[in-house]
PDB file of N, CA and C in Angstrom:
ATOM      1  N   MET A   1     -24.051  -8.837  29.354  1.00  0.00           N
ATOM      2  CA  MET A   1     -23.083  -7.814  29.692  1.00  0.00           C
ATOM      3  C   MET A   1     -22.613  -7.162  28.384  1.00  0.00           C
ATOM      4  N   SER A   2     -22.491  -5.845  28.379  1.00  0.00           N
ATOM      5  CA  SER A   2     -22.083  -5.132  27.167  1.00  0.00           C
ATOM      6  C   SER A   2     -20.590  -5.331  26.899  1.00  0.00           C
ATOM      7  N   LYS A   3     -20.220  -5.078  25.659  1.00  0.00           N
ATOM      8  CA  LYS A   3     -18.814  -5.222  25.264  1.00  0.00           C
ATOM      9  C   LYS A   3     -17.921  -4.288  26.080  1.00  0.00           C
ATOM     10  N   VAL A   4     -18.401  -3.081  26.349  1.00  0.00           N
ATOM     11  CA  VAL A   4     -17.626  -2.116  27.138  1.00  0.00           C
ATOM     12  C   VAL A   4     -17.393  -2.651  28.546  1.00  0.00           C
ATOM     13  N   LYS A   5     -18.440  -3.192  29.156  1.00  0.00           N
ATOM     14  CA  LYS A   5     -18.314  -3.749  30.514  1.00  0.00           C
ATOM     15  C   LYS A   5     -17.364  -4.946  30.527  1.00  0.00           C
ATOM     16  N   ILE A   6     -17.473  -5.782  29.503  1.00  0.00           N
ATOM     17  CA  ILE A   6     -16.590  -6.951  29.416  1.00  0.00           C
ATOM     18  C   ILE A   6     -15.139  -6.496  29.340  1.00  0.00           C
ATOM     19  N   LYS A   7     -14.861  -5.491  28.505  1.00  0.00           N
ATOM     20  CA  LYS A   7     -13.494  -4.985  28.369  1.00  0.00           C
ATOM     21  C   LYS A   7     -12.991  -4.392  29.685  1.00  0.00           C
ATOM     22  N   GLU A   8     -13.850  -3.640  30.366  1.00  0.00           N
ATOM     23  CA  GLU A   8     -13.460  -3.044  31.652  1.00  0.00           C
ATOM     24  C   GLU A   8     -13.116  -4.135  32.667  1.00  0.00           C
ATOM     25  N   LYS A   9     -13.975  -5.136  32.756  1.00  0.00           N
ATOM     26  CA  LYS A   9     -13.745  -6.222  33.708  1.00  0.00           C
ATOM     27  C   LYS A   9     -12.481  -7.005  33.348  1.00  0.00           C
ATOM     28  N   ALA A  10     -12.272  -7.257  32.057  1.00  0.00           N
ATOM     29  CA  ALA A  10     -11.069  -7.968  31.615  1.00  0.00           C
ATOM     30  C   ALA A  10      -9.820  -7.169  31.965  1.00  0.00           C
ATOM     31  N   LYS A  11      -9.845  -5.853  31.722  1.00  0.00           N
ATOM     32  CA  LYS A  11      -8.686  -5.013  32.040  1.00  0.00           C
ATOM     33  C   LYS A  11      -8.401  -5.031  33.531  1.00  0.00           C
ATOM     34  N   GLN A  12      -9.430  -4.917  34.352  1.00  0.00           N
ATOM     35  CA  GLN A  12      -9.238  -4.953  35.807  1.00  0.00           C
ATOM     36  C   GLN A  12      -8.620  -6.281  36.240  1.00  0.00           C
ATOM     37  N   THR A  13      -9.097  -7.355  35.673  1.00  0.00           N
ATOM     38  CA  THR A  13      -8.576  -8.676  36.025  1.00  0.00           C
ATOM     39  C   THR A  13      -7.131  -8.824  35.565  1.00  0.00           C
ATOM     40  N   ILE A  14      -6.838  -8.407  34.347  1.00  0.00           N
ATOM     41  CA  ILE A  14      -5.471  -8.497  33.818  1.00  0.00           C
ATOM     42  C   ILE A  14      -4.517  -7.650  34.650  1.00  0.00           C
ATOM     43  N   ASP A  15      -4.970  -6.473  35.080  1.00  0.00           N
ATOM     44  CA  ASP A  15      -4.122  -5.592  35.899  1.00  0.00           C
ATOM     45  C   ASP A  15      -3.684  -6.258  37.197  1.00  0.00           C
ATOM     46  N   ARG A  16      -4.465  -7.206  37.694  1.00  0.00           N
ATOM     47  CA  ARG A  16      -4.119  -7.889  38.949  1.00  0.00           C
ATOM     48  C   ARG A  16      -3.175  -9.078  38.731  1.00  0.00           C
ATOM     49  N   LEU A  17      -3.007  -9.502  37.505  1.00  0.00           N
ATOM     50  CA  LEU A  17      -2.194 -10.681  37.216  1.00  0.00           C
ATOM     51  C   LEU A  17      -0.706 -10.350  37.177  1.00  0.00           C
ATOM     52  N   SER A  18       0.100 -11.394  37.356  1.00  0.00           N
ATOM     53  CA  SER A  18       1.547 -11.239  37.195  1.00  0.00           C
ATOM     54  C   SER A  18       1.846 -10.952  35.722  1.00  0.00           C
ATOM     55  N   GLU A  19       3.055 -10.457  35.461  1.00  0.00           N
ATOM     56  CA  GLU A  19       3.440 -10.158  34.082  1.00  0.00           C
ATOM     57  C   GLU A  19       3.391 -11.419  33.218  1.00  0.00           C
ATOM     58  N   ALA A  20       3.844 -12.538  33.756  1.00  0.00           N
ATOM     59  CA  ALA A  20       3.851 -13.795  32.997  1.00  0.00           C
ATOM     60  C   ALA A  20       2.432 -14.217  32.620  1.00  0.00           C
ATOM     61  N   ARG A  21       1.523 -14.109  33.564  1.00  0.00           N
ATOM     62  CA  ARG A  21       0.130 -14.486  33.265  1.00  0.00           C
ATOM     63  C   ARG A  21      -0.521 -13.489  32.301  1.00  0.00           C
ATOM     64  N   ALA A  22      -0.180 -12.202  32.457  1.00  0.00           N
ATOM     65  CA  ALA A  22      -0.721 -11.186  31.547  1.00  0.00           C
ATOM     66  C   ALA A  22      -0.241 -11.450  30.119  1.00  0.00           C
ATOM     67  N   ARG A  23       1.018 -11.871  29.972  1.00  0.00           N
ATOM     68  CA  ARG A  23       1.543 -12.211  28.640  1.00  0.00           C
ATOM     69  C   ARG A  23       0.791 -13.412  28.065  1.00  0.00           C
ATOM     70  N   LEU A  24       0.496 -14.376  28.915  1.00  0.00           N
ATOM     71  CA  LEU A  24      -0.256 -15.552  28.479  1.00  0.00           C
ATOM     72  C   LEU A  24      -1.643 -15.146  27.979  1.00  0.00           C
ATOM     73  N   ILE A  25      -2.279 -14.246  28.704  1.00  0.00           N
ATOM     74  CA  ILE A  25      -3.596 -13.737  28.287  1.00  0.00           C
ATOM     75  C   ILE A  25      -3.477 -13.013  26.947  1.00  0.00           C
ATOM     76  N   LEU A  26      -2.433 -12.195  26.800  1.00  0.00           N
ATOM     77  CA  LEU A  26      -2.226 -11.488  25.536  1.00  0.00           C
ATOM     78  C   LEU A  26      -2.041 -12.478  24.389  1.00  0.00           C
ATOM     79  N   ASP A  27      -1.245 -13.515  24.611  1.00  0.00           N
ATOM     80  CA  ASP A  27      -1.064 -14.544  23.578  1.00  0.00           C
ATOM     81  C   ASP A  27      -2.400 -15.163  23.182  1.00  0.00           C
ATOM     82  N   PHE A  28      -3.229 -15.453  24.166  1.00  0.00           N
ATOM     83  CA  PHE A  28      -4.524 -16.070  23.887  1.00  0.00           C
ATOM     84  C   PHE A  28      -5.439 -15.112  23.122  1.00  0.00           C
ATOM     85  N   ILE A  29      -5.452 -13.845  23.520  1.00  0.00           N
ATOM     86  CA  ILE A  29      -6.275 -12.845  22.831  1.00  0.00           C
ATOM     87  C   ILE A  29      -5.815 -12.696  21.382  1.00  0.00           C
ATOM     88  N   GLU A  30      -4.494 -12.658  21.171  1.00  0.00           N
ATOM     89  CA  GLU A  30      -3.973 -12.551  19.810  1.00  0.00           C
ATOM     90  C   GLU A  30      -4.331 -13.790  18.988  1.00  0.00           C
ATOM     91  N   TYR A  31      -4.282 -14.959  19.631  1.00  0.00           N
ATOM     92  CA  TYR A  31      -4.692 -16.197  18.950  1.00  0.00           C
ATOM     93  C   TYR A  31      -6.158 -16.100  18.514  1.00  0.00           C
ATOM     94  N   LEU A  32      -7.025 -15.652  19.419  1.00  0.00           N
ATOM     95  CA  LEU A  32      -8.449 -15.531  19.086  1.00  0.00           C
ATOM     96  C   LEU A  32      -8.675 -14.535  17.957  1.00  0.00           C
ATOM     97  N   ASP A  33      -7.935 -13.428  17.988  1.00  0.00           N
ATOM     98  CA  ASP A  33      -8.051 -12.417  16.943  1.00  0.00           C
ATOM     99  C   ASP A  33      -7.637 -12.997  15.594  1.00  0.00           C
ATOM    100  N   GLU A  34      -6.514 -13.700  15.575  1.00  0.00           N
ATOM    101  CA  GLU A  34      -6.032 -14.331  14.341  1.00  0.00           C
ATOM    102  C   GLU A  34      -7.021 -15.389  13.847  1.00  0.00           C
ATOM    103  N   LYS A  35      -7.545 -16.176  14.786  1.00  0.00           N
ATOM    104  CA  LYS A  35      -8.512 -17.224  14.434  1.00  0.00           C
ATOM    105  C   LYS A  35      -9.762 -16.606  13.807  1.00  0.00           C
ATOM    106  N   GLU A  36     -10.226 -15.509  14.369  1.00  0.00           N
ATOM    107  CA  GLU A  36     -11.410 -14.843  13.828  1.00  0.00           C
ATOM    108  C   GLU A  36     -11.149 -14.330  12.411  1.00  0.00           C
ATOM    109  N   SER A  37      -9.947 -13.805  12.187  1.00  0.00           N
ATOM    110  CA  SER A  37      -9.586 -13.337  10.846  1.00  0.00           C
ATOM    111  C   SER A  37      -9.571 -14.485   9.849  1.00  0.00           C
ATOM    112  N   TRP A  38      -8.973 -15.613  10.249  1.00  0.00           N
ATOM    113  CA  TRP A  38      -8.925 -16.773   9.361  1.00  0.00           C
ATOM    114  C   TRP A  38     -10.326 -17.316   9.083  1.00  0.00           C
ATOM    115  N   GLU A  39     -11.179 -17.307  10.095  1.00  0.00           N
ATOM    116  CA  GLU A  39     -12.549 -17.782   9.897  1.00  0.00           C
ATOM    117  C   GLU A  39     -13.295 -16.888   8.912  1.00  0.00           C
ATOM    118  N   ALA A  40     -13.078 -15.574   9.017  1.00  0.00           N
ATOM    119  CA  ALA A  40     -13.724 -14.644   8.088  1.00  0.00           C
ATOM    120  C   ALA A  40     -13.207 -14.864   6.671  1.00  0.00           C
ATOM    121  N   THR A  41     -11.892 -15.089   6.546  1.00  0.00           N
ATOM    122  CA  THR A  41     -11.308 -15.367   5.237  1.00  0.00           C
ATOM    123  C   THR A  41     -11.884 -16.651   4.657  1.00  0.00           C
ATOM    124  N   GLN A  42     -11.963 -17.678   5.484  1.00  0.00           N
ATOM    125  CA  GLN A  42     -12.499 -18.963   5.031  1.00  0.00           C
ATOM    126  C   GLN A  42     -13.954 -18.814   4.584  1.00  0.00           C
ATOM    127  N   GLU A  43     -14.707 -18.015   5.320  1.00  0.00           N
ATOM    128  CA  GLU A  43     -16.110 -17.781   4.964  1.00  0.00           C
ATOM    129  C   GLU A  43     -16.215 -17.131   3.583  1.00  0.00           C
ATOM    130  N   LEU A  44     -15.332 -16.171   3.309  1.00  0.00           N
ATOM    131  CA  LEU A  44     -15.329 -15.532   1.992  1.00  0.00           C
ATOM    132  C   LEU A  44     -14.943 -16.520   0.897  1.00  0.00           C
ATOM    133  N   LEU A  45     -13.934 -17.348   1.179  1.00  0.00           N
ATOM    134  CA  LEU A  45     -13.467 -18.310   0.181  1.00  0.00           C
ATOM    135  C   LEU A  45     -14.504 -19.390  -0.121  1.00  0.00           C
ATOM    136  N   GLU A  46     -15.406 -19.627   0.801  1.00  0.00           N
ATOM    137  CA  GLU A  46     -16.453 -20.624   0.597  1.00  0.00           C
ATOM    138  C   GLU A  46     -17.668 -20.064  -0.142  1.00  0.00           C
ATOM    139  N   ASP A  47     -17.705 -18.732  -0.302  1.00  0.00           N
ATOM    140  CA  ASP A  47     -18.813 -18.093  -1.016  1.00  0.00           C
ATOM    141  C   ASP A  47     -18.480 -18.071  -2.511  1.00  0.00           C
ATOM    142  N   LYS A  48     -19.132 -18.935  -3.259  1.00  0.00           N
ATOM    143  CA  LYS A  48     -18.829 -19.087  -4.691  1.00  0.00           C
ATOM    144  C   LYS A  48     -19.032 -17.788  -5.469  1.00  0.00           C
ATOM    145  N   ASN A  49     -20.022 -16.984  -5.093  1.00  0.00           N
ATOM    146  CA  ASN A  49     -20.261 -15.717  -5.789  1.00  0.00           C
ATOM    147  C   ASN A  49     -19.095 -14.756  -5.607  1.00  0.00           C
ATOM    148  N   ILE A  50     -18.570 -14.687  -4.397  1.00  0.00           N
ATOM    149  CA  ILE A  50     -17.439 -13.797  -4.129  1.00  0.00           C
ATOM    150  C   ILE A  50     -16.203 -14.279  -4.879  1.00  0.00           C
ATOM    151  N   VAL A  51     -15.947 -15.584  -4.835  1.00  0.00           N
ATOM    152  CA  VAL A  51     -14.777 -16.140  -5.528  1.00  0.00           C
ATOM    153  C   VAL A  51     -14.887 -15.897  -7.034  1.00  0.00           C
ATOM    154  N   GLU A  52     -16.071 -16.115  -7.601  1.00  0.00           N
ATOM    155  CA  GLU A  52     -16.267 -15.884  -9.036  1.00  0.00           C
ATOM    156  C   GLU A  52     -16.065 -14.410  -9.390  1.00  0.00           C
ATOM    157  N   ALA A  53     -16.594 -13.507  -8.564  1.00  0.00           N
ATOM    158  CA  ALA A  53     -16.431 -12.069  -8.817  1.00  0.00           C
ATOM    159  C   ALA A  53     -14.956 -11.675  -8.738  1.00  0.00           C
ATOM    160  N   TYR A  54     -14.249 -12.236  -7.777  1.00  0.00           N
ATOM    161  CA  TYR A  54     -12.819 -11.951  -7.623  1.00  0.00           C
ATOM    162  C   TYR A  54     -12.038 -12.455  -8.841  1.00  0.00           C
ATOM    163  N   GLU A  55     -12.312 -13.677  -9.264  1.00  0.00           N
ATOM    164  CA  GLU A  55     -11.613 -14.245 -10.423  1.00  0.00           C
ATOM    165  C   GLU A  55     -11.919 -13.444 -11.691  1.00  0.00           C
ATOM    166  N   LYS A  56     -13.171 -13.008 -11.842  1.00  0.00           N
ATOM    167  CA  LYS A  56     -13.540 -12.195 -13.006  1.00  0.00           C
ATOM    168  C   LYS A  56     -12.807 -10.859 -12.968  1.00  0.00           C
ATOM    169  N   ALA A  57     -12.724 -10.251 -11.798  1.00  0.00           N
ATOM    170  CA  ALA A  57     -12.022  -8.973 -11.667  1.00  0.00           C
ATOM    171  C   ALA A  57     -10.539  -9.135 -12.009  1.00  0.00           C
ATOM    172  N   LYS A  58      -9.928 -10.228 -11.541  1.00  0.00           N
ATOM    173  CA  LYS A  58      -8.519 -10.481 -11.879  1.00  0.00           C
ATOM    174  C   LYS A  58      -8.343 -10.624 -13.388  1.00  0.00           C
ATOM    175  N   SER A  59      -9.247 -11.368 -14.009  1.00  0.00           N
ATOM    176  CA  SER A  59      -9.190 -11.575 -15.456  1.00  0.00           C
ATOM    177  C   SER A  59      -9.392 -10.256 -16.200  1.00  0.00           C
ATOM    178  N   ASP A  60     -10.395  -9.475 -15.787  1.00  0.00           N
ATOM    179  CA  ASP A  60     -10.655  -8.179 -16.416  1.00  0.00           C
ATOM    180  C   ASP A  60      -9.428  -7.278 -16.315  1.00  0.00           C
ATOM    181  N   LEU A  61      -8.820  -7.241 -15.160  1.00  0.00           N
ATOM    182  CA  LEU A  61      -7.643  -6.403 -14.949  1.00  0.00           C
ATOM    183  C   LEU A  61      -6.491  -6.868 -15.835  1.00  0.00           C
ATOM    184  N   LYS A  62      -6.262  -8.171 -15.861  1.00  0.00           N
ATOM    185  CA  LYS A  62      -5.183  -8.737 -16.679  1.00  0.00           C
ATOM    186  C   LYS A  62      -5.391  -8.437 -18.162  1.00  0.00           C
ATOM    187  N   GLU A  63      -6.645  -8.484 -18.608  1.00  0.00           N
ATOM    188  CA  GLU A  63      -6.969  -8.250 -20.018  1.00  0.00           C
ATOM    189  C   GLU A  63      -7.174  -6.769 -20.337  1.00  0.00           C
ATOM    190  N   GLY A  64      -7.045  -5.904 -19.335  1.00  0.00           N
ATOM    191  CA  GLY A  64      -7.174  -4.468 -19.569  1.00  0.00           C
ATOM    192  C   GLY A  64      -8.600  -3.974 -19.705  1.00  0.00           C
ATOM    193  N   ARG A  65      -9.565  -4.758 -19.257  1.00  0.00           N
ATOM    194  CA  ARG A  65     -10.978  -4.351 -19.337  1.00  0.00           C
ATOM    195  C   ARG A  65     -11.306  -3.449 -18.138  1.00  0.00           C
ATOM    196  N   MET A  66     -10.852  -2.217 -18.220  1.00  0.00           N
ATOM    197  CA  MET A  66     -10.991  -1.288 -17.098  1.00  0.00           C
ATOM    198  C   MET A  66     -12.405  -0.730 -16.961  1.00  0.00           C
ATOM    199  N   GLU A  67     -13.234  -0.892 -18.004  1.00  0.00           N
ATOM    200  CA  GLU A  67     -14.606  -0.375 -17.930  1.00  0.00           C
ATOM    201  C   GLU A  67     -15.424  -1.084 -16.851  1.00  0.00           C
ATOM    202  N   ASN A  68     -14.948  -2.225 -16.394  1.00  0.00           N
ATOM    203  CA  ASN A  68     -15.658  -2.963 -15.347  1.00  0.00           C
ATOM    204  C   ASN A  68     -15.276  -2.516 -13.939  1.00  0.00           C
ATOM    205  N   PHE A  69     -14.393  -1.523 -13.846  1.00  0.00           N
ATOM    206  CA  PHE A  69     -13.951  -1.025 -12.546  1.00  0.00           C
ATOM    207  C   PHE A  69     -14.464   0.389 -12.332  1.00  0.00           C
ATOM    208  N   ILE A  70     -14.765   0.722 -11.101  1.00  0.00           N
ATOM    209  CA  ILE A  70     -15.228   2.063 -10.755  1.00  0.00           C
ATOM    210  C   ILE A  70     -14.010   2.887 -10.348  1.00  0.00           C
ATOM    211  N   PRO A  71     -13.770   4.039 -11.013  1.00  0.00           N
ATOM    212  CA  PRO A  71     -12.642   4.881 -10.615  1.00  0.00           C
ATOM    213  C   PRO A  71     -12.780   5.314  -9.151  1.00  0.00           C
ATOM    214  N   TRP A  72     -11.662   5.457  -8.490  1.00  0.00           N
ATOM    215  CA  TRP A  72     -11.648   5.778  -7.067  1.00  0.00           C
ATOM    216  C   TRP A  72     -12.492   7.016  -6.765  1.00  0.00           C
ATOM    217  N   ASP A  73     -12.373   8.062  -7.579  1.00  0.00           N
ATOM    218  CA  ASP A  73     -13.103   9.302  -7.311  1.00  0.00           C
ATOM    219  C   ASP A  73     -14.593   9.208  -7.653  1.00  0.00           C
ATOM    220  N   LYS A  74     -15.016   8.135  -8.316  1.00  0.00           N
ATOM    221  CA  LYS A  74     -16.424   7.968  -8.687  1.00  0.00           C
ATOM    222  C   LYS A  74     -17.132   6.902  -7.851  1.00  0.00           C
ATOM    223  N   ARG A  75     -16.432   6.308  -6.923  1.00  0.00           N
ATOM    224  CA  ARG A  75     -17.005   5.208  -6.147  1.00  0.00           C
ATOM    225  C   ARG A  75     -18.136   5.705  -5.246  1.00  0.00           C
ATOM    226  N   ASN A  76     -19.030   4.812  -4.931  1.00  0.00           N
ATOM    227  CA  ASN A  76     -20.138   5.098  -4.028  1.00  0.00           C
ATOM    228  C   ASN A  76     -19.609   4.960  -2.603  1.00  0.00           C
ATOM    229  N   LYS A  77     -19.524   6.047  -1.894  1.00  0.00           N
ATOM    230  CA  LYS A  77     -18.932   6.018  -0.555  1.00  0.00           C
ATOM    231  C   LYS A  77     -19.760   5.213   0.442  1.00  0.00           C
ATOM    232  N   SER A  78     -20.991   4.888   0.091  1.00  0.00           N
ATOM    233  CA  SER A  78     -21.802   4.086   1.014  1.00  0.00           C
ATOM    234  C   SER A  78     -21.215   2.689   1.187  1.00  0.00           C
ATOM    235  N   TYR A  79     -20.377   2.226   0.229  1.00  0.00           N
ATOM    236  CA  TYR A  79     -19.714   0.927   0.379  1.00  0.00           C
ATOM    237  C   TYR A  79     -18.755   0.926   1.561  1.00  0.00           C
ATOM    238  N   LEU A  80     -18.249   2.111   1.901  1.00  0.00           N
ATOM    239  CA  LEU A  80     -17.236   2.214   2.947  1.00  0.00           C
ATOM    240  C   LEU A  80     -17.828   2.267   4.342  1.00  0.00           C
ATOM    241  N   VAL A  81     -19.136   2.397   4.441  1.00  0.00           N
ATOM    242  CA  VAL A  81     -19.792   2.495   5.744  1.00  0.00           C
ATOM    243  C   VAL A  81     -19.999   1.091   6.297  1.00  0.00           C
ATOM    244  N   ALA A  82     -19.529   0.903   7.520  1.00  0.00           N
ATOM    245  CA  ALA A  82     -19.656  -0.425   8.143  1.00  0.00           C
ATOM    246  C   ALA A  82     -20.988  -0.570   8.828  1.00  0.00           C
TER     247      ALA A  82
END
């Protein structure tokens, strides 16, 4: 089933529920959303290359080594494409 169909079916089901049950569903959805965010964060923190790059960037910034940073107007916009 596609994501769109799943959302449609979930909305129809939620619309039939009492307000109390709908709030419970919302709490659960928010929990899942938060859990997914934490899992993504944990995944990044477990990647030694990312952690090393982050620590190096912090050090470079603290020491004023700005040549290692790309100015905002010179950045490659392809990085922003998901």
